[in-house]
Amino acid sequence: MMNVIQYLEKNPELVALLKSQKASLIGISSMEQKAILDAFNSEVELENSVWL
């Protein structure tokens, strides 16, 4: 699964396709796919946060 995550980090357009359900990850369960997308969502939220 680490290879999948690394590939998605290098190809963020695929993350958008996964989020819009226009693509899927073969060999990855729906639960694992949700966890991956949640992680990418969390990463984006952390990058957009302002720390004072």
PDB file of N, CA and C in Angstrom:
ATOM      1  N   MET A   1       0.824  -1.185   0.000  1.00  0.00           N
ATOM      2  CA  MET A   1       0.000   0.000   0.000  1.00  0.00           C
ATOM      3  C   MET A   1       0.874   1.257   0.000  1.00  0.00           C
ATOM      4  N   MET A   2       2.053   1.169   0.568  1.00  0.00           N
ATOM      5  CA  MET A   2       2.958   2.319   0.590  1.00  0.00           C
ATOM      6  C   MET A   2       3.298   2.771  -0.823  1.00  0.00           C
ATOM      7  N   ASN A   3       3.466   1.826  -1.731  1.00  0.00           N
ATOM      8  CA  ASN A   3       3.749   2.176  -3.136  1.00  0.00           C
ATOM      9  C   ASN A   3       2.603   2.966  -3.749  1.00  0.00           C
ATOM     10  N   VAL A   4       1.381   2.599  -3.407  1.00  0.00           N
ATOM     11  CA  VAL A   4       0.202   3.305  -3.925  1.00  0.00           C
ATOM     12  C   VAL A   4       0.208   4.744  -3.425  1.00  0.00           C
ATOM     13  N   ILE A   5       0.474   4.927  -2.144  1.00  0.00           N
ATOM     14  CA  ILE A   5       0.487   6.269  -1.556  1.00  0.00           C
ATOM     15  C   ILE A   5       1.590   7.122  -2.190  1.00  0.00           C
ATOM     16  N   GLN A   6       2.756   6.550  -2.365  1.00  0.00           N
ATOM     17  CA  GLN A   6       3.851   7.284  -2.999  1.00  0.00           C
ATOM     18  C   GLN A   6       3.492   7.670  -4.430  1.00  0.00           C
ATOM     19  N   TYR A   7       2.841   6.767  -5.143  1.00  0.00           N
ATOM     20  CA  TYR A   7       2.432   7.062  -6.518  1.00  0.00           C
ATOM     21  C   TYR A   7       1.413   8.202  -6.541  1.00  0.00           C
ATOM     22  N   LEU A   8       0.462   8.173  -5.609  1.00  0.00           N
ATOM     23  CA  LEU A   8      -0.549   9.228  -5.553  1.00  0.00           C
ATOM     24  C   LEU A   8       0.070  10.569  -5.167  1.00  0.00           C
ATOM     25  N   GLU A   9       1.091  10.563  -4.332  1.00  0.00           N
ATOM     26  CA  GLU A   9       1.774  11.807  -3.974  1.00  0.00           C
ATOM     27  C   GLU A   9       2.445  12.426  -5.191  1.00  0.00           C
ATOM     28  N   LYS A  10       2.950  11.597  -6.088  1.00  0.00           N
ATOM     29  CA  LYS A  10       3.603  12.081  -7.298  1.00  0.00           C
ATOM     30  C   LYS A  10       2.600  12.456  -8.376  1.00  0.00           C
ATOM     31  N   ASN A  11       1.357  11.975  -8.255  1.00  0.00           N
ATOM     32  CA  ASN A  11       0.308  12.206  -9.264  1.00  0.00           C
ATOM     33  C   ASN A  11      -0.972  12.684  -8.587  1.00  0.00           C
ATOM     34  N   PRO A  12      -0.972  13.912  -8.066  1.00  0.00           N
ATOM     35  CA  PRO A  12      -2.130  14.393  -7.309  1.00  0.00           C
ATOM     36  C   PRO A  12      -3.432  14.473  -8.118  1.00  0.00           C
ATOM     37  N   GLU A  13      -3.319  14.522  -9.434  1.00  0.00           N
ATOM     38  CA  GLU A  13      -4.541  14.548 -10.248  1.00  0.00           C
ATOM     39  C   GLU A  13      -5.332  13.255 -10.079  1.00  0.00           C
ATOM     40  N   LEU A  14      -4.643  12.166  -9.767  1.00  0.00           N
ATOM     41  CA  LEU A  14      -5.335  10.898  -9.534  1.00  0.00           C
ATOM     42  C   LEU A  14      -6.121  10.922  -8.228  1.00  0.00           C
ATOM     43  N   VAL A  15      -5.619  11.657  -7.247  1.00  0.00           N
ATOM     44  CA  VAL A  15      -6.340  11.790  -5.977  1.00  0.00           C
ATOM     45  C   VAL A  15      -7.681  12.468  -6.239  1.00  0.00           C
ATOM     46  N   ALA A  16      -7.680  13.491  -7.074  1.00  0.00           N
ATOM     47  CA  ALA A  16      -8.922  14.184  -7.416  1.00  0.00           C
ATOM     48  C   ALA A  16      -9.896  13.238  -8.112  1.00  0.00           C
ATOM     49  N   LEU A  17      -9.395  12.386  -8.997  1.00  0.00           N
ATOM     50  CA  LEU A  17     -10.257  11.419  -9.674  1.00  0.00           C
ATOM     51  C   LEU A  17     -10.825  10.403  -8.689  1.00  0.00           C
ATOM     52  N   LEU A  18     -10.018   9.992  -7.726  1.00  0.00           N
ATOM     53  CA  LEU A  18     -10.506   9.056  -6.706  1.00  0.00           C
ATOM     54  C   LEU A  18     -11.592   9.701  -5.850  1.00  0.00           C
ATOM     55  N   LYS A  19     -11.372  10.953  -5.477  1.00  0.00           N
ATOM     56  CA  LYS A  19     -12.354  11.664  -4.651  1.00  0.00           C
ATOM     57  C   LYS A  19     -13.689  11.821  -5.375  1.00  0.00           C
ATOM     58  N   SER A  20     -13.634  12.043  -6.674  1.00  0.00           N
ATOM     59  CA  SER A  20     -14.864  12.219  -7.458  1.00  0.00           C
ATOM     60  C   SER A  20     -15.413  10.888  -7.955  1.00  0.00           C
ATOM     61  N   GLN A  21     -14.799   9.789  -7.542  1.00  0.00           N
ATOM     62  CA  GLN A  21     -15.198   8.426  -7.892  1.00  0.00           C
ATOM     63  C   GLN A  21     -15.176   8.169  -9.397  1.00  0.00           C
ATOM     64  N   LYS A  22     -14.229   8.832 -10.075  1.00  0.00           N
ATOM     65  CA  LYS A  22     -14.027   8.591 -11.499  1.00  0.00           C
ATOM     66  C   LYS A  22     -12.893   7.609 -11.736  1.00  0.00           C
ATOM     67  N   ALA A  23     -12.269   7.157 -10.633  1.00  0.00           N
ATOM     68  CA  ALA A  23     -11.196   6.161 -10.693  1.00  0.00           C
ATOM     69  C   ALA A  23     -11.279   5.325  -9.426  1.00  0.00           C
ATOM     70  N   SER A  24     -10.658   4.163  -9.476  1.00  0.00           N
ATOM     71  CA  SER A  24     -10.604   3.321  -8.280  1.00  0.00           C
ATOM     72  C   SER A  24      -9.244   2.653  -8.228  1.00  0.00           C
ATOM     73  N   LEU A  25      -8.931   2.111  -7.066  1.00  0.00           N
ATOM     74  CA  LEU A  25      -7.654   1.441  -6.874  1.00  0.00           C
ATOM     75  C   LEU A  25      -7.882  -0.063  -6.866  1.00  0.00           C
ATOM     76  N   ILE A  26      -7.426  -0.726  -7.902  1.00  0.00           N
ATOM     77  CA  ILE A  26      -7.582  -2.174  -7.997  1.00  0.00           C
ATOM     78  C   ILE A  26      -6.683  -2.842  -6.960  1.00  0.00           C
ATOM     79  N   GLY A  27      -7.244  -3.784  -6.240  1.00  0.00           N
ATOM     80  CA  GLY A  27      -6.480  -4.493  -5.225  1.00  0.00           C
ATOM     81  C   GLY A  27      -6.482  -3.811  -3.868  1.00  0.00           C
ATOM     82  N   ILE A  28      -7.149  -2.657  -3.771  1.00  0.00           N
ATOM     83  CA  ILE A  28      -7.261  -1.919  -2.507  1.00  0.00           C
ATOM     84  C   ILE A  28      -8.733  -1.947  -2.103  1.00  0.00           C
ATOM     85  N   SER A  29      -9.005  -2.371  -0.880  1.00  0.00           N
ATOM     86  CA  SER A  29     -10.394  -2.448  -0.427  1.00  0.00           C
ATOM     87  C   SER A  29     -10.982  -1.041  -0.297  1.00  0.00           C
ATOM     88  N   SER A  30     -12.296  -0.972  -0.256  1.00  0.00           N
ATOM     89  CA  SER A  30     -12.958   0.331  -0.125  1.00  0.00           C
ATOM     90  C   SER A  30     -12.585   0.997   1.199  1.00  0.00           C
ATOM     91  N   MET A  31     -12.374   0.197   2.226  1.00  0.00           N
ATOM     92  CA  MET A  31     -11.981   0.743   3.523  1.00  0.00           C
ATOM     93  C   MET A  31     -10.564   1.340   3.449  1.00  0.00           C
ATOM     94  N   GLU A  32      -9.658   0.639   2.774  1.00  0.00           N
ATOM     95  CA  GLU A  32      -8.296   1.143   2.610  1.00  0.00           C
ATOM     96  C   GLU A  32      -8.283   2.397   1.739  1.00  0.00           C
ATOM     97  N   GLN A  33      -9.093   2.397   0.688  1.00  0.00           N
ATOM     98  CA  GLN A  33      -9.166   3.562  -0.190  1.00  0.00           C
ATOM     99  C   GLN A  33      -9.680   4.764   0.575  1.00  0.00           C
ATOM    100  N   LYS A  34     -10.695   4.568   1.424  1.00  0.00           N
ATOM    101  CA  LYS A  34     -11.218   5.666   2.235  1.00  0.00           C
ATOM    102  C   LYS A  34     -10.141   6.189   3.170  1.00  0.00           C
ATOM    103  N   ALA A  35      -9.365   5.300   3.780  1.00  0.00           N
ATOM    104  CA  ALA A  35      -8.293   5.710   4.685  1.00  0.00           C
ATOM    105  C   ALA A  35      -7.232   6.534   3.937  1.00  0.00           C
ATOM    106  N   ILE A  36      -6.904   6.116   2.732  1.00  0.00           N
ATOM    107  CA  ILE A  36      -5.922   6.841   1.927  1.00  0.00           C
ATOM    108  C   ILE A  36      -6.441   8.239   1.609  1.00  0.00           C
ATOM    109  N   LEU A  37      -7.686   8.329   1.162  1.00  0.00           N
ATOM    110  CA  LEU A  37      -8.254   9.635   0.823  1.00  0.00           C
ATOM    111  C   LEU A  37      -8.382  10.518   2.056  1.00  0.00           C
ATOM    112  N   ASP A  38      -8.753   9.933   3.194  1.00  0.00           N
ATOM    113  CA  ASP A  38      -8.826  10.699   4.440  1.00  0.00           C
ATOM    114  C   ASP A  38      -7.459  11.263   4.801  1.00  0.00           C
ATOM    115  N   ALA A  39      -6.419  10.472   4.594  1.00  0.00           N
ATOM    116  CA  ALA A  39      -5.056  10.928   4.885  1.00  0.00           C
ATOM    117  C   ALA A  39      -4.677  12.094   3.976  1.00  0.00           C
ATOM    118  N   PHE A  40      -5.030  12.019   2.707  1.00  0.00           N
ATOM    119  CA  PHE A  40      -4.730  13.117   1.796  1.00  0.00           C
ATOM    120  C   PHE A  40      -5.533  14.351   2.176  1.00  0.00           C
ATOM    121  N   ASN A  41      -6.777  14.184   2.604  1.00  0.00           N
ATOM    122  CA  ASN A  41      -7.583  15.323   3.051  1.00  0.00           C
ATOM    123  C   ASN A  41      -6.972  15.957   4.288  1.00  0.00           C
ATOM    124  N   SER A  42      -6.514  15.160   5.222  1.00  0.00           N
ATOM    125  CA  SER A  42      -5.885  15.671   6.442  1.00  0.00           C
ATOM    126  C   SER A  42      -4.611  16.431   6.113  1.00  0.00           C
ATOM    127  N   GLU A  43      -3.850  15.912   5.175  1.00  0.00           N
ATOM    128  CA  GLU A  43      -2.597  16.553   4.769  1.00  0.00           C
ATOM    129  C   GLU A  43      -2.884  17.934   4.195  1.00  0.00           C
ATOM    130  N   VAL A  44      -3.918  18.065   3.379  1.00  0.00           N
ATOM    131  CA  VAL A  44      -4.281  19.348   2.789  1.00  0.00           C
ATOM    132  C   VAL A  44      -4.733  20.307   3.877  1.00  0.00           C
ATOM    133  N   GLU A  45      -5.531  19.835   4.822  1.00  0.00           N
ATOM    134  CA  GLU A  45      -6.008  20.686   5.903  1.00  0.00           C
ATOM    135  C   GLU A  45      -4.842  21.194   6.740  1.00  0.00           C
ATOM    136  N   LEU A  46      -3.848  20.345   7.014  1.00  0.00           N
ATOM    137  CA  LEU A  46      -2.695  20.758   7.799  1.00  0.00           C
ATOM    138  C   LEU A  46      -1.877  21.808   7.064  1.00  0.00           C
ATOM    139  N   GLU A  47      -1.746  21.672   5.767  1.00  0.00           N
ATOM    140  CA  GLU A  47      -0.986  22.631   4.991  1.00  0.00           C
ATOM    141  C   GLU A  47      -1.670  23.988   4.950  1.00  0.00           C
ATOM    142  N   ASN A  48      -3.002  24.016   5.043  1.00  0.00           N
ATOM    143  CA  ASN A  48      -3.752  25.257   4.968  1.00  0.00           C
ATOM    144  C   ASN A  48      -3.980  25.903   6.331  1.00  0.00           C
ATOM    145  N   SER A  49      -3.591  25.248   7.412  1.00  0.00           N
ATOM    146  CA  SER A  49      -3.787  25.780   8.749  1.00  0.00           C
ATOM    147  C   SER A  49      -2.776  26.877   9.030  1.00  0.00           C
ATOM    148  N   VAL A  50      -3.226  27.831   9.834  1.00  0.00           N
ATOM    149  CA  VAL A  50      -2.349  28.926  10.240  1.00  0.00           C
ATOM    150  C   VAL A  50      -2.023  28.730  11.712  1.00  0.00           C
ATOM    151  N   TRP A  51      -0.752  28.662  12.015  1.00  0.00           N
ATOM    152  CA  TRP A  51      -0.309  28.501  13.397  1.00  0.00           C
ATOM    153  C   TRP A  51       0.167  29.852  13.904  1.00  0.00           C
ATOM    154  N   LEU A  52      -0.389  30.257  15.019  1.00  0.00           N
ATOM    155  CA  LEU A  52       0.008  31.560  15.606  1.00  0.00           C
ATOM    156  C   LEU A  52       0.830  31.354  16.833  1.00  0.00           C
TER     157      LEU A  52
END
